[in-house]
């Protein structure tokens, strides 16, 4: 029986109830002062808590789709090549490119010469326009420190984790620097400056990258303040064609929305397990000041159907099974895209809404992104 099977959940709940009932029934016998009774009480309490926690864990997993199978949970599944599909053009052709799966563990960019492994810098980015501020990390590729690149500018990507994740997860759990370094060594990615951030600069609120009426201006922060601060501090190109936004979950939604709203800032976006409408829960509060128009404009499907398509290229990456309605919603999004917007998509057969899935999709997604980044008038 599969991890998300209702039979597994029902069986676990029944076992938890039986263990709880058995503990209550046997407790009078375990109330004696012998060492056997003490061990019995400890065992009964341990069994009760273990089975209750298992049942609660399965309920949470089934609801949030963290893990789709036992292999996904235990990390024993087989990972094959990731295939990226481009939406068929007007002639009905479907271009398919197979990109191998690779992953680097351990972060390789620490403790070595920057000209060999790059450098990770912890930063705080203060917003001159939005007045927001948050911490993050900047990964500078090895070429940034090599003499032959001293007069060259680099493309840049803002990478956002999901909410309420922290920027450090992009290093410790995803290992973006290590994955980029591996692709650089294989010639599958151009040297790129990465700005690793969390999706909300106004914690504890989940701002969904919105400019909230009389509230945090997160859209402005990511589209104006962050690019300006990075361009002023590092040798990165100011040309929009050299910039991209990438993220997972909430970060993926932000990547798509900001690209569609601001194609002159982020003409390229990569979304891992993204959703297509702003969340609405206690962590967000009222993001739109009661405005239906603002609410609609935050819905990416509504934008595709009601606004002129932006001139952007986006990659949607996720799983066919194990992540709720992701496949159905993504296929609907792909079908709704019209020129000049371009969409590619990549789906693993199985996988939950978790770091294991996103890490499997990361190398091919970075390679796709790199193919779309361009620094005018120079070869980097």
Protein backbone atom coordinates (compact mmCIF):
# COMPACT_ATOMS: atom_id res chain seq x y z
CA UNK A 1 0.00 0.00 0.00
CA UNK A 2 1.29 3.44 -0.94
CA UNK A 3 2.29 6.12 1.57
CA UNK A 4 -0.66 8.32 0.61
CA UNK A 5 -3.15 5.46 0.45
CA UNK A 6 -6.35 5.99 2.45
CA UNK A 7 -6.01 2.36 3.59
CA UNK A 8 -2.62 3.12 5.15
CA UNK A 9 -4.03 6.16 6.90
CA UNK A 10 -7.10 4.28 8.14
CA UNK A 11 -4.99 1.35 9.35
CA UNK A 12 -2.63 3.69 11.21
CA UNK A 13 -5.52 5.50 12.88
CA UNK A 14 -7.10 2.19 13.93
CA UNK A 15 -3.78 0.98 15.37
CA UNK A 16 -3.35 4.27 17.27
CA UNK A 17 -6.85 3.94 18.76
CA UNK A 18 -6.28 0.32 19.72
CA UNK A 19 -2.96 1.14 21.39
CA UNK A 20 -4.54 4.04 23.27
CA UNK A 21 -7.43 1.82 24.38
CA UNK A 22 -5.03 -0.94 25.39
CA UNK A 23 -2.96 1.50 27.44
CA UNK A 24 -6.05 2.72 29.32
CA UNK A 25 -7.22 -0.88 29.88
CA UNK A 26 -3.87 -2.13 31.16
CA UNK A 27 -2.91 0.92 33.20
CA UNK A 28 -4.28 -0.42 36.53
CA UNK A 29 -2.10 -3.52 36.14
CA UNK A 30 0.91 -1.32 35.31
CA UNK A 31 0.42 0.80 38.44
CA UNK A 32 2.43 -1.59 40.59
CA UNK A 33 5.82 -0.62 42.01
CA UNK A 34 7.82 -3.42 40.40
CA UNK A 35 10.45 -2.78 37.74
CA UNK A 36 8.39 -4.82 35.29
CA UNK A 37 5.44 -2.45 35.78
CA UNK A 38 7.66 0.61 35.29
CA UNK A 39 8.99 -0.78 32.04
CA UNK A 40 5.42 -1.60 31.02
CA UNK A 41 4.30 1.99 31.64
CA UNK A 42 7.24 3.35 29.64
CA UNK A 43 6.50 0.96 26.78
CA UNK A 44 2.80 1.78 26.77
CA UNK A 45 3.42 5.54 26.71
CA UNK A 46 6.02 5.19 23.98
CA UNK A 47 3.75 3.01 21.82
CA UNK A 48 0.82 5.39 22.27
CA UNK A 49 2.79 8.48 21.32
CA UNK A 50 4.48 6.76 18.38
CA UNK A 51 1.23 5.55 16.82
CA UNK A 52 -0.56 8.89 17.39
CA UNK A 53 2.33 10.81 15.84
CA UNK A 54 2.41 8.42 12.90
CA UNK A 55 -1.30 8.98 12.29
CA UNK A 56 -0.94 12.77 12.55
CA UNK A 57 2.09 12.67 10.24
CA UNK A 58 0.16 10.76 7.59
CA UNK A 59 -2.76 13.19 7.84
CA UNK A 60 -0.40 16.15 7.39
CA UNK A 61 1.45 14.47 4.53
CA UNK A 62 -1.75 13.59 2.69
CA UNK A 63 -2.96 17.18 3.02
CA UNK A 64 0.26 19.02 2.14
CA UNK A 65 1.74 16.39 -0.26
CA UNK A 66 5.22 16.54 1.25
CA UNK A 67 6.05 12.94 0.20
CA UNK A 68 4.28 10.97 -2.50
CA UNK A 69 5.61 7.45 -1.83
CA UNK A 70 7.72 5.34 0.52
CA UNK A 71 10.67 5.75 -1.85
CA UNK A 72 10.16 9.51 -1.78
CA UNK A 73 10.10 9.51 2.02
CA UNK A 74 13.11 7.23 2.41
CA UNK A 75 15.07 8.69 -0.48
CA UNK A 76 15.40 5.29 -2.19
CA UNK A 77 13.62 6.08 -5.46
CA UNK A 78 15.36 5.83 -8.81
CA UNK A 79 16.00 9.19 -10.53
CA UNK A 80 16.23 9.18 -14.30
CA UNK A 81 16.84 11.95 -16.80
CA UNK A 82 14.64 15.02 -16.61
CA UNK A 83 12.87 15.88 -19.86
CA UNK A 84 11.99 19.48 -20.65
CA UNK A 85 9.19 20.00 -23.15
CA UNK A 86 8.50 23.19 -25.05
CA UNK A 87 4.91 24.02 -25.88
CA UNK A 88 4.09 23.09 -29.46
CA UNK A 89 4.40 25.95 -31.94
CA UNK A 90 1.76 27.00 -34.46
CA UNK A 91 2.62 24.07 -36.72
CA UNK A 92 1.88 21.63 -33.92
CA UNK A 93 5.45 20.44 -33.45
CA UNK A 94 6.68 19.43 -30.02
CA UNK A 95 10.35 19.95 -29.33
CA UNK A 96 11.75 17.57 -26.68
CA UNK A 97 15.17 17.90 -25.14
CA UNK A 98 16.53 15.38 -22.66
CA UNK A 99 18.78 16.82 -19.99
CA UNK A 100 20.65 14.50 -17.63
CA UNK A 101 20.07 14.54 -13.91
CA UNK A 102 23.01 15.56 -11.71
CA UNK A 103 23.40 16.72 -8.14
CA UNK A 104 26.30 17.87 -6.00
CA UNK A 105 26.21 17.40 -2.25
CA UNK A 106 28.20 19.29 0.31
CA UNK A 107 28.39 22.81 -1.03
CA UNK A 108 31.84 22.65 -2.66
CA UNK A 109 32.11 26.44 -2.71
CA UNK A 110 33.41 26.69 0.85
CA UNK A 111 37.03 26.52 2.03
CA UNK A 112 38.74 26.71 -1.39
CA UNK A 113 40.12 29.42 -3.66
CA UNK A 114 37.27 31.62 -4.97
CA UNK A 115 38.75 31.42 -8.48
CA UNK A 116 38.20 27.65 -8.33
CA UNK A 117 34.94 27.24 -6.46
CA UNK A 118 33.36 30.66 -6.25
CA UNK A 119 32.30 32.41 -3.08
CA UNK A 120 29.16 32.67 -0.96
CA UNK A 121 28.55 35.98 0.74
CA UNK A 122 25.89 36.67 3.33
CA UNK A 123 24.22 40.02 2.64
CA UNK A 124 21.44 42.26 3.83
CA UNK A 125 19.61 44.03 1.06
CA UNK A 126 17.97 47.28 2.11
CA UNK A 127 15.25 48.64 -0.16
CA UNK A 128 15.66 52.31 -1.02
CA UNK A 129 12.19 52.49 -2.59
CA UNK A 130 10.14 49.94 -0.63
CA UNK A 131 11.91 50.58 2.70
CA UNK A 132 11.97 46.83 3.25
CA UNK A 133 15.04 44.85 4.20
CA UNK A 134 15.99 41.20 4.48
CA UNK A 135 19.04 38.97 4.64
CA UNK A 136 20.16 36.61 1.93
CA UNK A 137 23.21 35.16 0.21
CA UNK A 138 25.07 36.00 -2.99
CA UNK A 139 26.92 33.25 -4.83
CA UNK A 140 29.70 34.54 -7.08
CA UNK A 141 30.91 31.93 -9.60
CA UNK A 142 34.63 31.10 -9.92
CA UNK A 143 34.94 33.15 -13.12
CA UNK A 144 34.03 36.28 -11.16
CA UNK A 145 37.50 36.06 -9.57
CA UNK A 146 39.48 35.04 -12.65
CA UNK A 147 41.62 37.69 -14.41
CA UNK A 148 40.21 37.04 -17.88
CA UNK A 149 36.73 37.97 -16.62
CA UNK A 150 37.82 41.09 -14.73
CA UNK A 151 36.21 43.48 -17.23
CA UNK A 152 33.12 41.42 -17.95
CA UNK A 153 29.62 41.60 -16.54
CA UNK A 154 27.64 38.56 -15.46
CA UNK A 155 24.00 37.51 -15.75
CA UNK A 156 22.09 37.28 -12.49
CA UNK A 157 19.19 35.32 -11.03
CA UNK A 158 17.17 35.99 -7.91
CA UNK A 159 16.31 32.66 -6.25
CA UNK A 160 13.53 32.44 -3.71
CA UNK A 161 12.62 29.59 -1.41
CA UNK A 162 9.08 28.77 -0.32
CA UNK A 163 7.27 30.37 2.62
CA UNK A 164 8.17 30.42 5.48
CA UNK A 165 11.54 29.04 4.41
CA UNK A 166 14.84 30.75 5.06
CA UNK A 167 17.45 31.71 2.48
CA UNK A 168 19.95 29.33 4.06
CA UNK A 169 17.82 26.40 2.84
CA UNK A 170 18.85 27.27 -0.71
CA UNK A 171 22.41 26.38 0.31
CA UNK A 172 21.98 23.64 2.91
CA UNK A 173 18.99 21.79 1.43
CA UNK A 174 19.08 22.66 -2.29
CA UNK A 175 22.80 23.33 -2.64
CA UNK A 176 22.30 25.86 -5.45
CA UNK A 177 26.01 26.84 -5.40
CA UNK A 178 27.13 23.23 -5.65
CA UNK A 179 24.66 22.45 -8.43
CA UNK A 180 25.76 25.54 -10.38
CA UNK A 181 29.42 24.69 -9.89
CA UNK A 182 28.84 21.16 -11.22
CA UNK A 183 27.06 22.49 -14.31
CA UNK A 184 29.81 25.06 -14.87
CA UNK A 185 32.42 22.32 -14.80
CA UNK A 186 30.41 20.29 -17.32
CA UNK A 187 29.93 23.28 -19.63
CA UNK A 188 26.14 23.16 -19.18
CA UNK A 189 25.73 26.58 -17.55
CA UNK A 190 27.28 29.99 -18.01
CA UNK A 191 28.80 31.79 -15.00
CA UNK A 192 25.89 33.43 -13.19
CA UNK A 193 25.58 35.49 -10.02
CA UNK A 194 22.89 34.03 -7.74
CA UNK A 195 20.99 36.06 -5.16
CA UNK A 196 19.46 33.60 -2.68
CA UNK A 197 16.51 34.95 -0.69
CA UNK A 198 13.28 34.11 1.12
CA UNK A 199 9.99 35.15 -0.53
CA UNK A 200 8.78 37.65 2.03
CA UNK A 201 10.83 40.66 3.19
CA UNK A 202 8.14 41.45 5.77
CA UNK A 203 8.05 38.40 8.06
CA UNK A 204 6.03 37.00 9.74
CA UNK A 205 3.57 37.98 7.01
CA UNK A 206 3.50 36.01 3.79
CA UNK A 207 3.28 38.86 1.30
CA UNK A 208 3.10 36.65 -1.82
CA UNK A 209 5.36 39.23 -3.55
CA UNK A 210 2.53 41.76 -3.59
CA UNK A 211 2.51 45.52 -3.12
CA UNK A 212 -0.03 45.53 -0.29
CA UNK A 213 -2.20 48.65 0.03
CA UNK A 214 -0.96 50.54 3.10
CA UNK A 215 1.41 47.65 3.76
CA UNK A 216 4.63 45.98 2.67
CA UNK A 217 5.65 46.72 -0.92
CA UNK A 218 7.19 43.35 -1.77
CA UNK A 219 6.67 43.55 -5.53
CA UNK A 220 8.61 46.83 -5.54
CA UNK A 221 11.31 45.33 -3.32
CA UNK A 222 12.05 42.44 -5.67
CA UNK A 223 11.64 44.26 -8.98
CA UNK A 224 13.37 47.56 -8.11
CA UNK A 225 15.34 47.45 -4.88
CA UNK A 226 17.05 44.08 -5.16
CA UNK A 227 18.24 44.44 -8.78
CA UNK A 228 19.46 47.98 -8.09
CA UNK A 229 21.39 46.91 -4.98
CA UNK A 230 23.02 43.95 -6.74
CA UNK A 231 23.95 46.00 -9.80
CA UNK A 232 25.53 48.64 -7.57
CA UNK A 233 27.55 46.07 -5.61
CA UNK A 234 28.62 43.43 -8.15
CA UNK A 235 29.68 43.20 -11.79
CA UNK A 236 26.30 42.14 -13.13
CA UNK A 237 24.60 43.36 -16.25
CA UNK A 238 21.81 45.92 -16.00
CA UNK A 239 20.21 44.61 -19.19
CA UNK A 240 16.92 42.78 -18.43
CA UNK A 241 17.89 39.94 -20.80
CA UNK A 242 20.60 39.04 -18.29
CA UNK A 243 18.16 38.67 -15.38
CA UNK A 244 15.89 35.85 -14.23
CA UNK A 245 13.76 34.96 -11.21
CA UNK A 246 13.61 31.38 -9.94
CA UNK A 247 11.94 29.74 -6.97
CA UNK A 248 10.08 26.80 -5.46
CA UNK A 249 6.52 26.74 -4.12
CA UNK A 250 5.77 30.33 -3.01
CA UNK A 251 9.05 31.38 -4.62
CA UNK A 252 7.93 29.75 -7.86
CA UNK A 253 4.63 31.61 -7.78
CA UNK A 254 6.56 34.83 -7.20
CA UNK A 255 8.88 34.05 -10.10
CA UNK A 256 5.99 33.59 -12.53
CA UNK A 257 3.97 36.54 -11.28
CA UNK A 258 6.83 39.02 -11.24
CA UNK A 259 7.95 37.96 -14.72
CA UNK A 260 4.42 38.27 -16.10
CA UNK A 261 3.92 41.65 -14.43
CA UNK A 262 7.39 42.99 -15.16
CA UNK A 263 8.75 41.42 -18.36
CA UNK A 264 11.06 44.43 -18.64
CA UNK A 265 12.74 43.32 -15.37
CA UNK A 266 12.57 39.50 -15.44
CA UNK A 267 11.99 38.18 -18.97
CA UNK A 268 12.97 34.69 -17.76
CA UNK A 269 11.42 32.74 -14.88
CA UNK A 270 11.74 29.22 -13.48
CA UNK A 271 9.05 27.85 -11.16
CA UNK A 272 9.49 24.59 -9.22
CA UNK A 273 6.18 23.20 -7.91
CA UNK A 274 4.61 26.62 -8.15
CA UNK A 275 0.96 27.44 -7.64
CA UNK A 276 -0.90 29.90 -9.84
CA UNK A 277 -2.92 32.07 -7.47
CA UNK A 278 -2.01 33.99 -4.33
CA UNK A 279 -2.51 32.16 -1.06
CA UNK A 280 -5.23 33.45 1.24
CA UNK A 281 -4.78 32.35 4.85
CA UNK A 282 -3.89 33.72 8.28
CA UNK A 283 -0.23 34.17 7.25
CA UNK A 284 -1.16 36.48 4.34
CA UNK A 285 -3.89 38.61 5.84
CA UNK A 286 -5.66 40.92 3.39
CA UNK A 287 -3.18 41.32 0.54
CA UNK A 288 -5.44 43.33 -1.73
CA UNK A 289 -7.23 45.89 0.46
CA UNK A 290 -10.58 44.39 -0.52
CA UNK A 291 -9.96 45.10 -4.22
CA UNK A 292 -11.36 42.45 -6.58
CA UNK A 293 -9.21 43.84 -9.39
CA UNK A 294 -6.03 43.32 -7.38
CA UNK A 295 -7.22 39.87 -6.39
CA UNK A 296 -7.82 38.95 -10.03
CA UNK A 297 -4.47 40.31 -11.18
CA UNK A 298 -2.69 38.06 -8.67
CA UNK A 299 -4.34 35.03 -10.29
CA UNK A 300 -1.98 33.93 -13.07
CA UNK A 301 -4.67 32.04 -14.99
CA UNK A 302 -6.83 35.17 -14.94
CA UNK A 303 -3.91 37.16 -16.32
CA UNK A 304 -3.43 34.69 -19.17
CA UNK A 305 -7.09 34.88 -20.12
CA UNK A 306 -7.73 38.60 -19.63
CA UNK A 307 -4.49 40.54 -20.23
CA UNK A 308 -2.12 40.75 -23.20
CA UNK A 309 0.47 37.98 -22.98
CA UNK A 310 3.87 39.24 -21.79
CA UNK A 311 7.04 38.62 -23.78
CA UNK A 312 8.67 36.23 -21.31
CA UNK A 313 10.01 32.68 -21.24
CA UNK A 314 9.04 30.49 -18.29
CA UNK A 315 9.82 26.96 -17.17
CA UNK A 316 7.33 25.03 -15.03
CA UNK A 317 8.86 22.03 -13.24
CA UNK A 318 7.14 19.59 -10.90
CA UNK A 319 5.60 16.11 -10.74
CA UNK A 320 2.77 14.26 -12.42
CA UNK A 321 1.73 12.47 -9.23
CA UNK A 322 2.13 13.19 -5.55
CA UNK A 323 1.70 16.98 -5.42
CA UNK A 324 -2.03 17.48 -5.27
CA UNK A 325 -3.53 19.13 -8.38
CA UNK A 326 -0.19 20.35 -9.68
CA UNK A 327 -0.31 18.41 -12.97
CA UNK A 328 -3.87 19.44 -13.83
CA UNK A 329 -3.28 23.10 -12.97
CA UNK A 330 0.02 23.20 -14.83
CA UNK A 331 -1.42 21.63 -17.97
CA UNK A 332 -4.22 24.21 -17.88
CA UNK A 333 -1.65 26.99 -17.53
CA UNK A 334 0.43 25.66 -20.45
CA UNK A 335 -2.67 25.40 -22.65
CA UNK A 336 -3.61 29.01 -21.87
CA UNK A 337 -0.23 30.52 -22.81
CA UNK A 338 -0.24 32.55 -26.02
CA UNK A 339 2.55 34.14 -28.05
CA UNK A 340 4.76 36.08 -27.44
CA UNK A 341 4.92 34.32 -24.06
CA UNK A 342 6.87 31.05 -24.22
CA UNK A 343 6.46 28.17 -21.79
CA UNK A 344 8.43 24.97 -21.22
CA UNK A 345 7.58 22.29 -18.70
CA UNK A 346 9.28 19.40 -16.95
CA UNK A 347 7.54 16.75 -14.85
CA UNK A 348 8.89 13.83 -12.86
CA UNK A 349 6.57 10.84 -12.67
CA UNK A 350 6.27 10.97 -8.86
CA UNK A 351 7.31 13.28 -6.06
CA UNK A 352 5.90 15.36 -3.27
CA UNK A 353 6.10 19.03 -2.42
CA UNK A 354 9.56 18.72 -0.90
CA UNK A 355 13.30 19.30 -1.23
CA UNK A 356 13.97 15.86 -2.71
CA UNK A 357 11.70 16.59 -5.67
CA UNK A 358 13.06 20.09 -6.21
CA UNK A 359 16.67 18.95 -5.95
CA UNK A 360 16.01 16.37 -8.68
CA UNK A 361 14.62 19.11 -10.93
CA UNK A 362 17.30 21.67 -10.11
CA UNK A 363 20.16 20.82 -12.56
CA UNK A 364 17.97 20.70 -15.68
CA UNK A 365 16.13 23.85 -14.57
CA UNK A 366 19.37 25.78 -14.05
CA UNK A 367 20.60 24.66 -17.46
CA UNK A 368 17.37 25.77 -19.13
CA UNK A 369 17.56 29.13 -17.36
CA UNK A 370 21.19 29.65 -18.38
CA UNK A 371 20.28 29.10 -22.03
CA UNK A 372 17.89 32.05 -21.81
CA UNK A 373 20.19 34.53 -20.07
CA UNK A 374 22.08 36.90 -22.34
CA UNK A 375 24.58 39.65 -21.61
CA UNK A 376 24.50 41.93 -24.68
CA UNK A 377 27.71 42.65 -26.57
CA UNK A 378 29.86 40.15 -24.75
CA UNK A 379 30.36 36.44 -24.29
CA UNK A 380 30.53 35.33 -20.65
